[in-house]
Protein backbone atom coordinates (compact mmCIF):
# COMPACT_ATOMS: atom_id res chain seq x y z
CA MET A 1 8.89 13.14 35.87
CA GLU A 2 9.97 9.62 36.71
CA ILE A 3 6.79 8.10 36.02
CA GLN A 4 6.09 10.02 32.53
CA ARG A 5 9.62 8.29 31.60
CA TYR A 6 8.35 4.81 32.69
CA PHE A 7 5.13 5.30 30.60
CA ASP A 8 7.47 6.77 27.40
CA HIS A 9 9.75 3.75 27.64
CA ILE A 10 6.79 1.31 28.01
CA ALA A 11 5.50 3.07 24.90
CA TRP A 12 8.41 2.97 22.92
CA VAL A 13 9.32 -0.73 24.04
CA THR A 14 5.33 -1.59 22.52
CA HIS A 15 6.03 0.69 19.29
CA SER A 16 9.40 -1.21 18.31
CA GLY A 17 7.44 -4.09 17.10
CA ASP A 18 5.26 -1.76 15.27
CA GLY A 19 5.84 -1.02 11.42
CA THR A 20 5.48 2.62 11.61
CA ALA A 21 8.69 2.77 14.07
CA HIS A 22 10.66 1.43 11.13
CA ALA A 23 8.97 2.65 8.27
CA PRO A 24 11.40 5.90 8.13
CA HIS A 25 14.14 3.74 7.50
CA ILE A 26 13.41 1.90 4.92
CA ARG A 27 14.02 4.92 2.27
CA LYS A 28 13.70 8.52 3.73
CA SER A 29 15.88 8.10 6.65
CA PRO A 30 18.05 4.82 6.43
CA LEU A 31 19.66 4.04 9.82
CA VAL A 32 23.75 4.04 9.86
CA GLY A 33 25.40 1.73 7.65
CA ASN A 34 22.34 1.36 5.25
CA VAL A 35 21.23 2.66 2.20
CA ALA A 36 17.83 4.11 1.12
CA LYS A 37 15.75 0.89 -0.38
CA ALA A 38 13.91 1.16 -3.44
CA LEU A 39 10.00 0.60 -2.76
CA LEU A 40 6.87 0.20 -4.16
CA VAL A 41 3.73 0.13 -2.22
CA GLN A 42 0.32 -1.11 -3.42
CA VAL A 43 -2.88 -0.05 -1.42
CA GLN A 44 -6.37 -1.40 -2.27
CA LYS A 45 -9.54 0.60 -1.19
CA GLY A 46 -11.78 -1.13 1.06
CA ASP A 47 -9.08 -3.67 1.86
CA LEU A 48 -10.70 -5.95 4.58
CA THR A 49 -7.49 -7.91 5.44
CA ALA A 50 -5.19 -4.85 5.77
CA PRO A 51 -7.53 -1.97 6.09
CA ASN A 52 -6.85 1.71 4.86
CA PRO A 53 -6.41 3.39 8.05
CA ARG A 54 -3.23 1.17 8.80
CA SER A 55 -1.98 1.45 5.24
CA THR A 56 -2.31 5.12 5.54
CA GLN A 57 -0.27 5.15 8.90
CA LEU A 58 2.73 3.19 7.48
CA VAL A 59 2.58 4.95 3.88
CA ARG A 60 2.81 8.48 6.12
CA ALA A 61 5.19 7.12 8.68
CA GLY A 62 7.69 6.55 5.77
CA GLY A 63 6.87 9.58 3.91
CA ASN A 64 6.16 7.02 0.91
CA ALA A 65 3.08 8.72 -0.82
CA ASP A 66 5.15 9.21 -3.87
CA VAL A 67 5.78 5.47 -4.28
CA THR A 68 2.50 4.41 -3.64
CA THR A 69 -0.20 2.82 -6.04
CA PHE A 70 -3.99 3.07 -4.98
CA TYR A 71 -6.20 0.45 -6.46
CA ARG A 72 -9.65 1.62 -6.91
CA ASN A 73 -11.60 -1.59 -6.01
CA ASP A 74 -14.88 0.26 -5.12
CA LEU A 75 -14.80 1.72 -8.74
CA ALA A 76 -13.85 -1.68 -10.08
CA TYR A 77 -17.02 -3.18 -8.05
CA ALA A 78 -19.11 -0.69 -9.36
CA GLU A 79 -18.58 -1.44 -12.99
CA ASP A 80 -18.39 -5.09 -12.58
CA PRO A 81 -19.89 -6.81 -9.20
CA THR A 82 -18.26 -10.05 -10.16
CA VAL A 83 -15.20 -8.30 -8.57
CA ASP A 84 -14.58 -9.51 -5.34
CA LYS A 85 -15.42 -7.18 -2.57
CA ASN A 86 -12.31 -7.77 -0.73
CA PRO A 87 -9.51 -6.75 -2.83
CA HIS A 88 -6.71 -7.79 -0.80
CA GLY A 89 -5.62 -10.83 -2.70
CA PHE A 90 -6.83 -9.29 -6.16
CA MET A 91 -3.53 -10.00 -8.00
CA ALA A 92 -3.98 -13.82 -7.48
CA ARG A 93 -6.81 -13.32 -9.99
CA TYR A 94 -4.79 -12.93 -12.88
CA ALA A 95 -6.40 -16.07 -14.94
CA SER A 96 -9.79 -14.89 -13.93
CA PRO A 97 -12.25 -13.73 -16.80
CA GLY A 98 -13.20 -10.10 -17.45
CA LEU A 99 -12.36 -7.18 -15.33
CA SER A 100 -11.05 -9.03 -12.40
CA GLY A 101 -8.27 -10.69 -14.45
CA LEU A 102 -7.37 -7.47 -16.34
CA LEU A 103 -6.79 -5.57 -13.03
CA ALA A 104 -4.74 -8.44 -11.79
CA ARG A 105 -2.67 -8.57 -14.65
CA ALA A 106 -2.29 -4.73 -14.98
CA ASN A 107 -0.84 -4.67 -11.17
CA LEU A 108 1.36 -7.62 -11.83
CA VAL A 109 2.82 -5.65 -15.18
CA GLN A 110 3.47 -2.78 -12.72
CA THR A 111 5.15 -4.89 -10.14
CA ALA A 112 7.22 -6.59 -12.66
CA THR A 113 8.10 -3.40 -14.35
CA PHE A 114 9.10 -1.92 -10.75
CA LEU A 115 11.49 -5.01 -10.02
CA ALA A 116 12.94 -5.47 -13.83
CA SER A 117 13.75 -1.64 -13.70
CA GLY A 118 15.73 -2.18 -10.35
CA GLY A 119 13.20 -0.25 -8.51
CA ILE A 120 13.37 2.55 -10.46
CA THR A 121 10.37 2.93 -12.60
CA ILE A 122 6.83 2.52 -11.40
CA PRO A 123 4.57 2.76 -14.10
CA GLN A 124 0.79 3.84 -14.63
CA SER A 125 -1.17 0.45 -14.48
CA GLU A 126 -4.04 0.29 -17.18
CA PRO A 127 -6.79 0.88 -16.99
CA ALA A 128 -5.86 3.90 -15.12
CA ARG A 129 -9.31 4.98 -14.00
CA PHE A 130 -8.78 2.01 -11.49
CA PHE A 131 -5.14 3.35 -10.44
CA GLU A 132 -3.63 6.26 -8.96
CA VAL A 133 -0.36 6.23 -9.40
CA PRO A 134 1.09 7.75 -7.01
CA ILE A 135 -1.77 7.63 -4.70
CA VAL A 136 -3.29 11.42 -4.59
CA ILE A 137 -5.24 11.18 -1.32
CA LEU A 138 -4.25 8.60 1.65
CA PRO A 139 -7.35 7.05 2.57
CA GLU A 140 -8.20 7.57 6.29
CA ASP A 141 -11.23 5.41 6.31
CA TYR A 142 -12.22 1.87 5.81
CA SER A 143 -14.02 1.83 2.70
CA PHE A 144 -15.26 -1.68 3.00
CA ILE A 145 -18.07 -2.32 0.01
CA PRO A 146 -21.18 -3.65 2.07
């Protein structure tokens, strides 16, 4: 029993710096003296920088699927191969021509609307075929575009 307590303690100490330990306290179960925060989570399918299984883990830990938008980069790339295979920084491409710029601006509008509403409104980004708002199925695989 003493050995198990030791290993449990070590596991918690290493877990304390992990976002999944804190995710529930942002919105669903605020710590004493705090209020629930407004939250918008944006996940991109096939993200090479923040891989989908990790994003899913954080969304699930906080119970935040209802405030999570899922950008379907796989569909965008299939429609327009000039779309970057790594969607991580796609919002920074707002001045790009074609589909890349359109998608970046759409997500920026969603973010701006969310902020302007005081965190109340999460609009559907357009074109809707590229955005699940809210996310329907949390991605469990990496889905990198080869």
